[in-house]
Amino acid sequence: MDTIPAKEIDWYVAKPGYRIVDLRSAADFSKGHIRGAINVPEEALNFLPEEYRNETLILYCERGARSISVARDLEKKGWRTKTVIGGINAYRGVNLVK
């Protein structure tokens, strides 16, 4: 499993081959998220569209711990992932939507 610093998320926004996934609740997502991210709370991960298998998932949560656990599980199932160190709490880029 690969990790990336929060400051590098901006490089992945709207980049072909990558899908940014916010693992937090819909309520937390609505309070602020990274531009272009899709909201897939952890309990809904079994419903990720199969077409996303062709992309690398950039996973983030509040602080980063949950996304690491989710990445391990998804990689066991054949998904490609990267997790954001420190989660959205560590992000200070220009693509924050509030």
PDB file of N, CA and C in Angstrom:
ATOM      1  N   MET A   1       0.843  -1.175   0.000  1.00  0.00           N
ATOM      2  CA  MET A   1       0.000   0.000   0.000  1.00  0.00           C
ATOM      3  C   MET A   1       0.894   1.247   0.000  1.00  0.00           C
ATOM      4  N   ASP A   2       0.580   2.140  -0.893  1.00  0.00           N
ATOM      5  CA  ASP A   2       1.332   3.388  -0.983  1.00  0.00           C
ATOM      6  C   ASP A   2       0.636   4.475  -0.167  1.00  0.00           C
ATOM      7  N   THR A   3       1.436   5.373   0.373  1.00  0.00           N
ATOM      8  CA  THR A   3       0.892   6.541   1.056  1.00  0.00           C
ATOM      9  C   THR A   3       1.410   7.787   0.353  1.00  0.00           C
ATOM     10  N   ILE A   4       0.638   8.856   0.471  1.00  0.00           N
ATOM     11  CA  ILE A   4       1.068  10.142  -0.083  1.00  0.00           C
ATOM     12  C   ILE A   4       0.843  11.231   0.966  1.00  0.00           C
ATOM     13  N   PRO A   5       1.702  12.231   0.985  1.00  0.00           N
ATOM     14  CA  PRO A   5       1.463  13.359   1.891  1.00  0.00           C
ATOM     15  C   PRO A   5       0.223  14.134   1.439  1.00  0.00           C
ATOM     16  N   ALA A   6      -0.496  14.701   2.373  1.00  0.00           N
ATOM     17  CA  ALA A   6      -1.713  15.455   2.051  1.00  0.00           C
ATOM     18  C   ALA A   6      -1.440  16.575   1.048  1.00  0.00           C
ATOM     19  N   LYS A   7      -0.258  17.177   1.118  1.00  0.00           N
ATOM     20  CA  LYS A   7       0.045  18.286   0.214  1.00  0.00           C
ATOM     21  C   LYS A   7       0.138  17.848  -1.249  1.00  0.00           C
ATOM     22  N   GLU A   8       0.209  16.536  -1.507  1.00  0.00           N
ATOM     23  CA  GLU A   8       0.298  16.043  -2.885  1.00  0.00           C
ATOM     24  C   GLU A   8      -1.057  15.720  -3.514  1.00  0.00           C
ATOM     25  N   ILE A   9      -2.137  15.823  -2.747  1.00  0.00           N
ATOM     26  CA  ILE A   9      -3.456  15.482  -3.296  1.00  0.00           C
ATOM     27  C   ILE A   9      -3.784  16.331  -4.521  1.00  0.00           C
ATOM     28  N   ASP A  10      -3.416  17.591  -4.489  1.00  0.00           N
ATOM     29  CA  ASP A  10      -3.761  18.476  -5.603  1.00  0.00           C
ATOM     30  C   ASP A  10      -3.262  17.936  -6.946  1.00  0.00           C
ATOM     31  N   TRP A  11      -2.163  17.203  -6.927  1.00  0.00           N
ATOM     32  CA  TRP A  11      -1.630  16.636  -8.164  1.00  0.00           C
ATOM     33  C   TRP A  11      -2.600  15.611  -8.760  1.00  0.00           C
ATOM     34  N   TYR A  12      -3.363  14.911  -7.916  1.00  0.00           N
ATOM     35  CA  TYR A  12      -4.261  13.849  -8.370  1.00  0.00           C
ATOM     36  C   TYR A  12      -5.653  14.342  -8.766  1.00  0.00           C
ATOM     37  N   VAL A  13      -6.017  15.545  -8.352  1.00  0.00           N
ATOM     38  CA  VAL A  13      -7.351  16.070  -8.659  1.00  0.00           C
ATOM     39  C   VAL A  13      -7.506  16.186 -10.172  1.00  0.00           C
ATOM     40  N   ALA A  14      -8.536  15.573 -10.702  1.00  0.00           N
ATOM     41  CA  ALA A  14      -8.875  15.595 -12.140  1.00  0.00           C
ATOM     42  C   ALA A  14      -7.798  14.949 -13.018  1.00  0.00           C
ATOM     43  N   LYS A  15      -6.938  14.136 -12.441  1.00  0.00           N
ATOM     44  CA  LYS A  15      -5.903  13.436 -13.194  1.00  0.00           C
ATOM     45  C   LYS A  15      -6.475  12.106 -13.680  1.00  0.00           C
ATOM     46  N   PRO A  16      -6.391  11.823 -14.979  1.00  0.00           N
ATOM     47  CA  PRO A  16      -6.899  10.534 -15.469  1.00  0.00           C
ATOM     48  C   PRO A  16      -6.203   9.361 -14.768  1.00  0.00           C
ATOM     49  N   GLY A  17      -6.983   8.329 -14.486  1.00  0.00           N
ATOM     50  CA  GLY A  17      -6.430   7.133 -13.867  1.00  0.00           C
ATOM     51  C   GLY A  17      -6.487   7.119 -12.358  1.00  0.00           C
ATOM     52  N   TYR A  18      -6.998   8.187 -11.766  1.00  0.00           N
ATOM     53  CA  TYR A  18      -7.093   8.274 -10.308  1.00  0.00           C
ATOM     54  C   TYR A  18      -8.507   8.667  -9.905  1.00  0.00           C
ATOM     55  N   ARG A  19      -8.962   8.136  -8.779  1.00  0.00           N
ATOM     56  CA  ARG A  19     -10.289   8.468  -8.238  1.00  0.00           C
ATOM     57  C   ARG A  19     -10.092   8.794  -6.769  1.00  0.00           C
ATOM     58  N   ILE A  20     -10.429  10.004  -6.361  1.00  0.00           N
ATOM     59  CA  ILE A  20     -10.296  10.416  -4.966  1.00  0.00           C
ATOM     60  C   ILE A  20     -11.557   9.999  -4.221  1.00  0.00           C
ATOM     61  N   VAL A  21     -11.369   9.259  -3.134  1.00  0.00           N
ATOM     62  CA  VAL A  21     -12.482   8.692  -2.376  1.00  0.00           C
ATOM     63  C   VAL A  21     -12.422   9.158  -0.929  1.00  0.00           C
ATOM     64  N   ASP A  22     -13.478   9.841  -0.509  1.00  0.00           N
ATOM     65  CA  ASP A  22     -13.634  10.301   0.867  1.00  0.00           C
ATOM     66  C   ASP A  22     -14.405   9.230   1.629  1.00  0.00           C
ATOM     67  N   LEU A  23     -13.790   8.656   2.652  1.00  0.00           N
ATOM     68  CA  LEU A  23     -14.387   7.559   3.407  1.00  0.00           C
ATOM     69  C   LEU A  23     -15.242   8.016   4.590  1.00  0.00           C
ATOM     70  N   ARG A  24     -15.360   9.311   4.790  1.00  0.00           N
ATOM     71  CA  ARG A  24     -16.100   9.829   5.938  1.00  0.00           C
ATOM     72  C   ARG A  24     -17.613   9.761   5.686  1.00  0.00           C
ATOM     73  N   SER A  25     -18.374  10.074   6.692  1.00  0.00           N
ATOM     74  CA  SER A  25     -19.836  10.073   6.571  1.00  0.00           C
ATOM     75  C   SER A  25     -20.293  11.170   5.606  1.00  0.00           C
ATOM     76  N   ALA A  26     -21.501  11.035   5.118  1.00  0.00           N
ATOM     77  CA  ALA A  26     -22.066  12.046   4.228  1.00  0.00           C
ATOM     78  C   ALA A  26     -22.134  13.405   4.923  1.00  0.00           C
ATOM     79  N   ALA A  27     -22.422  13.411   6.218  1.00  0.00           N
ATOM     80  CA  ALA A  27     -22.489  14.675   6.963  1.00  0.00           C
ATOM     81  C   ALA A  27     -21.124  15.355   7.005  1.00  0.00           C
ATOM     82  N   ASP A  28     -20.068  14.588   7.274  1.00  0.00           N
ATOM     83  CA  ASP A  28     -18.726  15.165   7.293  1.00  0.00           C
ATOM     84  C   ASP A  28     -18.304  15.622   5.895  1.00  0.00           C
ATOM     85  N   PHE A  29     -18.640  14.837   4.889  1.00  0.00           N
ATOM     86  CA  PHE A  29     -18.323  15.195   3.505  1.00  0.00           C
ATOM     87  C   PHE A  29     -18.957  16.536   3.138  1.00  0.00           C
ATOM     88  N   SER A  30     -20.206  16.738   3.567  1.00  0.00           N
ATOM     89  CA  SER A  30     -20.908  17.983   3.226  1.00  0.00           C
ATOM     90  C   SER A  30     -20.301  19.204   3.924  1.00  0.00           C
ATOM     91  N   LYS A  31     -19.581  18.992   5.013  1.00  0.00           N
ATOM     92  CA  LYS A  31     -18.932  20.103   5.725  1.00  0.00           C
ATOM     93  C   LYS A  31     -17.645  20.543   5.047  1.00  0.00           C
ATOM     94  N   GLY A  32     -17.087  19.686   4.201  1.00  0.00           N
ATOM     95  CA  GLY A  32     -15.862  20.026   3.486  1.00  0.00           C
ATOM     96  C   GLY A  32     -15.199  18.778   2.937  1.00  0.00           C
ATOM     97  N   HIS A  33     -14.748  18.851   1.703  1.00  0.00           N
ATOM     98  CA  HIS A  33     -14.094  17.716   1.060  1.00  0.00           C
ATOM     99  C   HIS A  33     -13.152  18.217  -0.025  1.00  0.00           C
ATOM    100  N   ILE A  34     -12.436  17.317  -0.621  1.00  0.00           N
ATOM    101  CA  ILE A  34     -11.509  17.667  -1.689  1.00  0.00           C
ATOM    102  C   ILE A  34     -12.252  17.658  -3.017  1.00  0.00           C
ATOM    103  N   ARG A  35     -12.057  18.710  -3.787  1.00  0.00           N
ATOM    104  CA  ARG A  35     -12.728  18.860  -5.075  1.00  0.00           C
ATOM    105  C   ARG A  35     -12.559  17.588  -5.918  1.00  0.00           C
ATOM    106  N   GLY A  36     -13.668  17.119  -6.466  1.00  0.00           N
ATOM    107  CA  GLY A  36     -13.655  15.934  -7.321  1.00  0.00           C
ATOM    108  C   GLY A  36     -13.774  14.622  -6.573  1.00  0.00           C
ATOM    109  N   ALA A  37     -13.712  14.657  -5.240  1.00  0.00           N
ATOM    110  CA  ALA A  37     -13.808  13.423  -4.455  1.00  0.00           C
ATOM    111  C   ALA A  37     -15.228  12.876  -4.508  1.00  0.00           C
ATOM    112  N   ILE A  38     -15.316  11.567  -4.464  1.00  0.00           N
ATOM    113  CA  ILE A  38     -16.616  10.922  -4.299  1.00  0.00           C
ATOM    114  C   ILE A  38     -16.716  10.483  -2.852  1.00  0.00           C
ATOM    115  N   ASN A  39     -17.908  10.512  -2.314  1.00  0.00           N
ATOM    116  CA  ASN A  39     -18.115  10.124  -0.923  1.00  0.00           C
ATOM    117  C   ASN A  39     -18.590   8.675  -0.887  1.00  0.00           C
ATOM    118  N   VAL A  40     -17.747   7.808  -0.343  1.00  0.00           N
ATOM    119  CA  VAL A  40     -18.097   6.401  -0.174  1.00  0.00           C
ATOM    120  C   VAL A  40     -17.750   6.026   1.263  1.00  0.00           C
ATOM    121  N   PRO A  41     -18.702   6.197   2.182  1.00  0.00           N
ATOM    122  CA  PRO A  41     -18.428   5.815   3.562  1.00  0.00           C
ATOM    123  C   PRO A  41     -17.983   4.352   3.626  1.00  0.00           C
ATOM    124  N   GLU A  42     -17.163   4.051   4.597  1.00  0.00           N
ATOM    125  CA  GLU A  42     -16.556   2.724   4.716  1.00  0.00           C
ATOM    126  C   GLU A  42     -17.573   1.590   4.587  1.00  0.00           C
ATOM    127  N   GLU A  43     -18.751   1.763   5.161  1.00  0.00           N
ATOM    128  CA  GLU A  43     -19.756   0.693   5.120  1.00  0.00           C
ATOM    129  C   GLU A  43     -20.337   0.476   3.716  1.00  0.00           C
ATOM    130  N   ALA A  44     -20.082   1.377   2.789  1.00  0.00           N
ATOM    131  CA  ALA A  44     -20.603   1.244   1.424  1.00  0.00           C
ATOM    132  C   ALA A  44     -19.546   0.787   0.416  1.00  0.00           C
ATOM    133  N   LEU A  45     -18.367   0.438   0.893  1.00  0.00           N
ATOM    134  CA  LEU A  45     -17.281   0.079  -0.022  1.00  0.00           C
ATOM    135  C   LEU A  45     -17.580  -1.130  -0.890  1.00  0.00           C
ATOM    136  N   ASN A  46     -18.439  -2.014  -0.441  1.00  0.00           N
ATOM    137  CA  ASN A  46     -18.795  -3.173  -1.267  1.00  0.00           C
ATOM    138  C   ASN A  46     -19.562  -2.772  -2.519  1.00  0.00           C
ATOM    139  N   PHE A  47     -19.973  -1.521  -2.578  1.00  0.00           N
ATOM    140  CA  PHE A  47     -20.757  -1.051  -3.714  1.00  0.00           C
ATOM    141  C   PHE A  47     -19.956  -0.151  -4.650  1.00  0.00           C
ATOM    142  N   LEU A  48     -18.635  -0.170  -4.536  1.00  0.00           N
ATOM    143  CA  LEU A  48     -17.811   0.606  -5.474  1.00  0.00           C
ATOM    144  C   LEU A  48     -18.045   0.084  -6.889  1.00  0.00           C
ATOM    145  N   PRO A  49     -18.265   0.976  -7.836  1.00  0.00           N
ATOM    146  CA  PRO A  49     -18.472   0.522  -9.220  1.00  0.00           C
ATOM    147  C   PRO A  49     -17.235  -0.217  -9.751  1.00  0.00           C
ATOM    148  N   GLU A  50     -17.463  -1.297 -10.443  1.00  0.00           N
ATOM    149  CA  GLU A  50     -16.368  -2.104 -10.997  1.00  0.00           C
ATOM    150  C   GLU A  50     -15.480  -1.294 -11.939  1.00  0.00           C
ATOM    151  N   GLU A  51     -16.036  -0.288 -12.607  1.00  0.00           N
ATOM    152  CA  GLU A  51     -15.230   0.514 -13.536  1.00  0.00           C
ATOM    153  C   GLU A  51     -14.093   1.250 -12.813  1.00  0.00           C
ATOM    154  N   TYR A  52     -14.215   1.432 -11.503  1.00  0.00           N
ATOM    155  CA  TYR A  52     -13.155   2.083 -10.742  1.00  0.00           C
ATOM    156  C   TYR A  52     -11.934   1.183 -10.581  1.00  0.00           C
ATOM    157  N   ARG A  53     -12.064  -0.102 -10.878  1.00  0.00           N
ATOM    158  CA  ARG A  53     -10.919  -1.016 -10.777  1.00  0.00           C
ATOM    159  C   ARG A  53      -9.810  -0.643 -11.755  1.00  0.00           C
ATOM    160  N   ASN A  54     -10.153   0.108 -12.785  1.00  0.00           N
ATOM    161  CA  ASN A  54      -9.153   0.542 -13.768  1.00  0.00           C
ATOM    162  C   ASN A  54      -8.393   1.773 -13.293  1.00  0.00           C
ATOM    163  N   GLU A  55      -8.739   2.271 -12.121  1.00  0.00           N
ATOM    164  CA  GLU A  55      -8.121   3.484 -11.593  1.00  0.00           C
ATOM    165  C   GLU A  55      -7.439   3.182 -10.255  1.00  0.00           C
ATOM    166  N   THR A  56      -6.545   4.048  -9.860  1.00  0.00           N
ATOM    167  CA  THR A  56      -5.967   3.974  -8.525  1.00  0.00           C
ATOM    168  C   THR A  56      -6.825   4.830  -7.611  1.00  0.00           C
ATOM    169  N   LEU A  57      -7.273   4.260  -6.514  1.00  0.00           N
ATOM    170  CA  LEU A  57      -8.104   4.989  -5.564  1.00  0.00           C
ATOM    171  C   LEU A  57      -7.221   5.740  -4.580  1.00  0.00           C
ATOM    172  N   ILE A  58      -7.446   7.045  -4.478  1.00  0.00           N
ATOM    173  CA  ILE A  58      -6.761   7.876  -3.493  1.00  0.00           C
ATOM    174  C   ILE A  58      -7.725   7.995  -2.322  1.00  0.00           C
ATOM    175  N   LEU A  59      -7.442   7.291  -1.242  1.00  0.00           N
ATOM    176  CA  LEU A  59      -8.353   7.201  -0.106  1.00  0.00           C
ATOM    177  C   LEU A  59      -7.968   8.180   0.999  1.00  0.00           C
ATOM    178  N   TYR A  60      -8.981   8.872   1.521  1.00  0.00           N
ATOM    179  CA  TYR A  60      -8.729   9.689   2.710  1.00  0.00           C
ATOM    180  C   TYR A  60      -9.923   9.622   3.651  1.00  0.00           C
ATOM    181  N   CYS A  61      -9.619   9.862   4.913  1.00  0.00           N
ATOM    182  CA  CYS A  61     -10.638   9.913   5.961  1.00  0.00           C
ATOM    183  C   CYS A  61     -10.347  11.157   6.793  1.00  0.00           C
ATOM    184  N   GLU A  62     -10.698  11.146   8.035  1.00  0.00           N
ATOM    185  CA  GLU A  62     -10.475  12.327   8.885  1.00  0.00           C
ATOM    186  C   GLU A  62      -8.987  12.526   9.207  1.00  0.00           C
ATOM    187  N   ARG A  63      -8.359  11.464   9.718  1.00  0.00           N
ATOM    188  CA  ARG A  63      -6.961  11.583  10.159  1.00  0.00           C
ATOM    189  C   ARG A  63      -5.999  10.609   9.492  1.00  0.00           C
ATOM    190  N   GLY A  64      -6.511   9.660   8.730  1.00  0.00           N
ATOM    191  CA  GLY A  64      -5.640   8.754   7.985  1.00  0.00           C
ATOM    192  C   GLY A  64      -5.635   7.311   8.440  1.00  0.00           C
ATOM    193  N   ALA A  65      -6.053   7.023   9.658  1.00  0.00           N
ATOM    194  CA  ALA A  65      -5.995   5.644  10.158  1.00  0.00           C
ATOM    195  C   ALA A  65      -6.994   4.731   9.442  1.00  0.00           C
ATOM    196  N   ARG A  66      -8.213   5.192   9.295  1.00  0.00           N
ATOM    197  CA  ARG A  66      -9.238   4.369   8.657  1.00  0.00           C
ATOM    198  C   ARG A  66      -8.892   4.085   7.203  1.00  0.00           C
ATOM    199  N   SER A  67      -8.351   5.074   6.507  1.00  0.00           N
ATOM    200  CA  SER A  67      -8.024   4.862   5.091  1.00  0.00           C
ATOM    201  C   SER A  67      -6.925   3.821   4.919  1.00  0.00           C
ATOM    202  N   ILE A  68      -6.001   3.726   5.863  1.00  0.00           N
ATOM    203  CA  ILE A  68      -4.957   2.700   5.794  1.00  0.00           C
ATOM    204  C   ILE A  68      -5.579   1.311   5.917  1.00  0.00           C
ATOM    205  N   SER A  69      -6.476   1.149   6.865  1.00  0.00           N
ATOM    206  CA  SER A  69      -7.153  -0.128   7.054  1.00  0.00           C
ATOM    207  C   SER A  69      -7.977  -0.509   5.817  1.00  0.00           C
ATOM    208  N   VAL A  70      -8.717   0.451   5.294  1.00  0.00           N
ATOM    209  CA  VAL A  70      -9.543   0.205   4.104  1.00  0.00           C
ATOM    210  C   VAL A  70      -8.662  -0.141   2.903  1.00  0.00           C
ATOM    211  N   ALA A  71      -7.548   0.556   2.752  1.00  0.00           N
ATOM    212  CA  ALA A  71      -6.644   0.282   1.630  1.00  0.00           C
ATOM    213  C   ALA A  71      -6.138  -1.155   1.681  1.00  0.00           C
ATOM    214  N   ARG A  72      -5.767  -1.613   2.848  1.00  0.00           N
ATOM    215  CA  ARG A  72      -5.301  -3.003   2.989  1.00  0.00           C
ATOM    216  C   ARG A  72      -6.374  -3.984   2.550  1.00  0.00           C
ATOM    217  N   ASP A  73      -7.606  -3.755   3.000  1.00  0.00           N
ATOM    218  CA  ASP A  73      -8.710  -4.644   2.627  1.00  0.00           C
ATOM    219  C   ASP A  73      -8.965  -4.618   1.121  1.00  0.00           C
ATOM    220  N   LEU A  74      -8.975  -3.422   0.534  1.00  0.00           N
ATOM    221  CA  LEU A  74      -9.238  -3.310  -0.899  1.00  0.00           C
ATOM    222  C   LEU A  74      -8.119  -3.938  -1.727  1.00  0.00           C
ATOM    223  N   GLU A  75      -6.893  -3.767  -1.295  1.00  0.00           N
ATOM    224  CA  GLU A  75      -5.778  -4.347  -2.046  1.00  0.00           C
ATOM    225  C   GLU A  75      -5.817  -5.868  -2.021  1.00  0.00           C
ATOM    226  N   LYS A  76      -6.294  -6.449  -0.943  1.00  0.00           N
ATOM    227  CA  LYS A  76      -6.466  -7.910  -0.885  1.00  0.00           C
ATOM    228  C   LYS A  76      -7.483  -8.378  -1.932  1.00  0.00           C
ATOM    229  N   LYS A  77      -8.389  -7.485  -2.301  1.00  0.00           N
ATOM    230  CA  LYS A  77      -9.418  -7.804  -3.295  1.00  0.00           C
ATOM    231  C   LYS A  77      -9.012  -7.366  -4.704  1.00  0.00           C
ATOM    232  N   GLY A  78      -7.773  -6.907  -4.860  1.00  0.00           N
ATOM    233  CA  GLY A  78      -7.269  -6.581  -6.183  1.00  0.00           C
ATOM    234  C   GLY A  78      -7.349  -5.127  -6.606  1.00  0.00           C
ATOM    235  N   TRP A  79      -7.756  -4.234  -5.720  1.00  0.00           N
ATOM    236  CA  TRP A  79      -7.829  -2.810  -6.039  1.00  0.00           C
ATOM    237  C   TRP A  79      -6.458  -2.166  -5.867  1.00  0.00           C
ATOM    238  N   ARG A  80      -6.191  -1.106  -6.620  1.00  0.00           N
ATOM    239  CA  ARG A  80      -4.966  -0.305  -6.446  1.00  0.00           C
ATOM    240  C   ARG A  80      -5.331   0.919  -5.604  1.00  0.00           C
ATOM    241  N   THR A  81      -4.534   1.190  -4.585  1.00  0.00           N
ATOM    242  CA  THR A  81      -4.859   2.297  -3.681  1.00  0.00           C
ATOM    243  C   THR A  81      -3.625   3.092  -3.294  1.00  0.00           C
ATOM    244  N   LYS A  82      -3.886   4.304  -2.847  1.00  0.00           N
ATOM    245  CA  LYS A  82      -2.927   5.152  -2.160  1.00  0.00           C
ATOM    246  C   LYS A  82      -3.714   5.799  -1.026  1.00  0.00           C
ATOM    247  N   THR A  83      -3.083   5.978   0.113  1.00  0.00           N
ATOM    248  CA  THR A  83      -3.765   6.632   1.229  1.00  0.00           C
ATOM    249  C   THR A  83      -3.084   7.956   1.549  1.00  0.00           C
ATOM    250  N   VAL A  84      -3.870   8.866   2.074  1.00  0.00           N
ATOM    251  CA  VAL A  84      -3.387  10.206   2.390  1.00  0.00           C
ATOM    252  C   VAL A  84      -2.960  10.259   3.854  1.00  0.00           C
ATOM    253  N   ILE A  85      -1.693  10.531   4.080  1.00  0.00           N
ATOM    254  CA  ILE A  85      -1.156  10.618   5.435  1.00  0.00           C
ATOM    255  C   ILE A  85      -1.800  11.813   6.153  1.00  0.00           C
ATOM    256  N   GLY A  86      -2.403  11.547   7.281  1.00  0.00           N
ATOM    257  CA  GLY A  86      -3.026  12.614   8.064  1.00  0.00           C
ATOM    258  C   GLY A  86      -4.447  12.953   7.650  1.00  0.00           C
ATOM    259  N   GLY A  87      -4.948  12.320   6.593  1.00  0.00           N
ATOM    260  CA  GLY A  87      -6.320  12.542   6.141  1.00  0.00           C
ATOM    261  C   GLY A  87      -6.612  13.987   5.778  1.00  0.00           C
ATOM    262  N   ILE A  88      -7.885  14.318   5.763  1.00  0.00           N
ATOM    263  CA  ILE A  88      -8.281  15.673   5.374  1.00  0.00           C
ATOM    264  C   ILE A  88      -7.823  16.700   6.411  1.00  0.00           C
ATOM    265  N   ASN A  89      -7.602  16.263   7.654  1.00  0.00           N
ATOM    266  CA  ASN A  89      -7.100  17.198   8.667  1.00  0.00           C
ATOM    267  C   ASN A  89      -5.747  17.776   8.298  1.00  0.00           C
ATOM    268  N   ALA A  90      -4.957  17.043   7.525  1.00  0.00           N
ATOM    269  CA  ALA A  90      -3.625  17.488   7.142  1.00  0.00           C
ATOM    270  C   ALA A  90      -3.615  18.262   5.820  1.00  0.00           C
ATOM    271  N   TYR A  91      -4.742  18.271   5.107  1.00  0.00           N
ATOM    272  CA  TYR A  91      -4.797  18.903   3.790  1.00  0.00           C
ATOM    273  C   TYR A  91      -4.971  20.418   3.900  1.00  0.00           C
ATOM    274  N   ARG A  92      -4.170  21.164   3.185  1.00  0.00           N
ATOM    275  CA  ARG A  92      -4.257  22.620   3.174  1.00  0.00           C
ATOM    276  C   ARG A  92      -4.196  23.166   1.746  1.00  0.00           C
ATOM    277  N   GLY A  93      -4.576  22.352   0.773  1.00  0.00           N
ATOM    278  CA  GLY A  93      -4.451  22.751  -0.630  1.00  0.00           C
ATOM    279  C   GLY A  93      -5.578  23.625  -1.131  1.00  0.00           C
ATOM    280  N   VAL A  94      -5.502  23.974  -2.399  1.00  0.00           N
ATOM    281  CA  VAL A  94      -6.463  24.877  -3.029  1.00  0.00           C
ATOM    282  C   VAL A  94      -7.751  24.190  -3.436  1.00  0.00           C
ATOM    283  N   ASN A  95      -7.814  22.875  -3.357  1.00  0.00           N
ATOM    284  CA  ASN A  95      -8.981  22.139  -3.817  1.00  0.00           C
ATOM    285  C   ASN A  95      -9.937  21.734  -2.696  1.00  0.00           C
ATOM    286  N   LEU A  96      -9.888  22.428  -1.577  1.00  0.00           N
ATOM    287  CA  LEU A  96     -10.809  22.161  -0.491  1.00  0.00           C
ATOM    288  C   LEU A  96     -12.139  22.834  -0.771  1.00  0.00           C
ATOM    289  N   VAL A  97     -13.197  22.061  -0.782  1.00  0.00           N
ATOM    290  CA  VAL A  97     -14.551  22.581  -1.017  1.00  0.00           C
ATOM    291  C   VAL A  97     -15.251  22.603   0.322  1.00  0.00           C
ATOM    292  N   LYS A  98     -15.784  23.775   0.689  1.00  0.00           N
ATOM    293  CA  LYS A  98     -16.519  23.899   1.963  1.00  0.00           C
ATOM    294  C   LYS A  98     -17.948  24.241   1.703  1.00  0.00           C
TER     295      LYS A  98
END
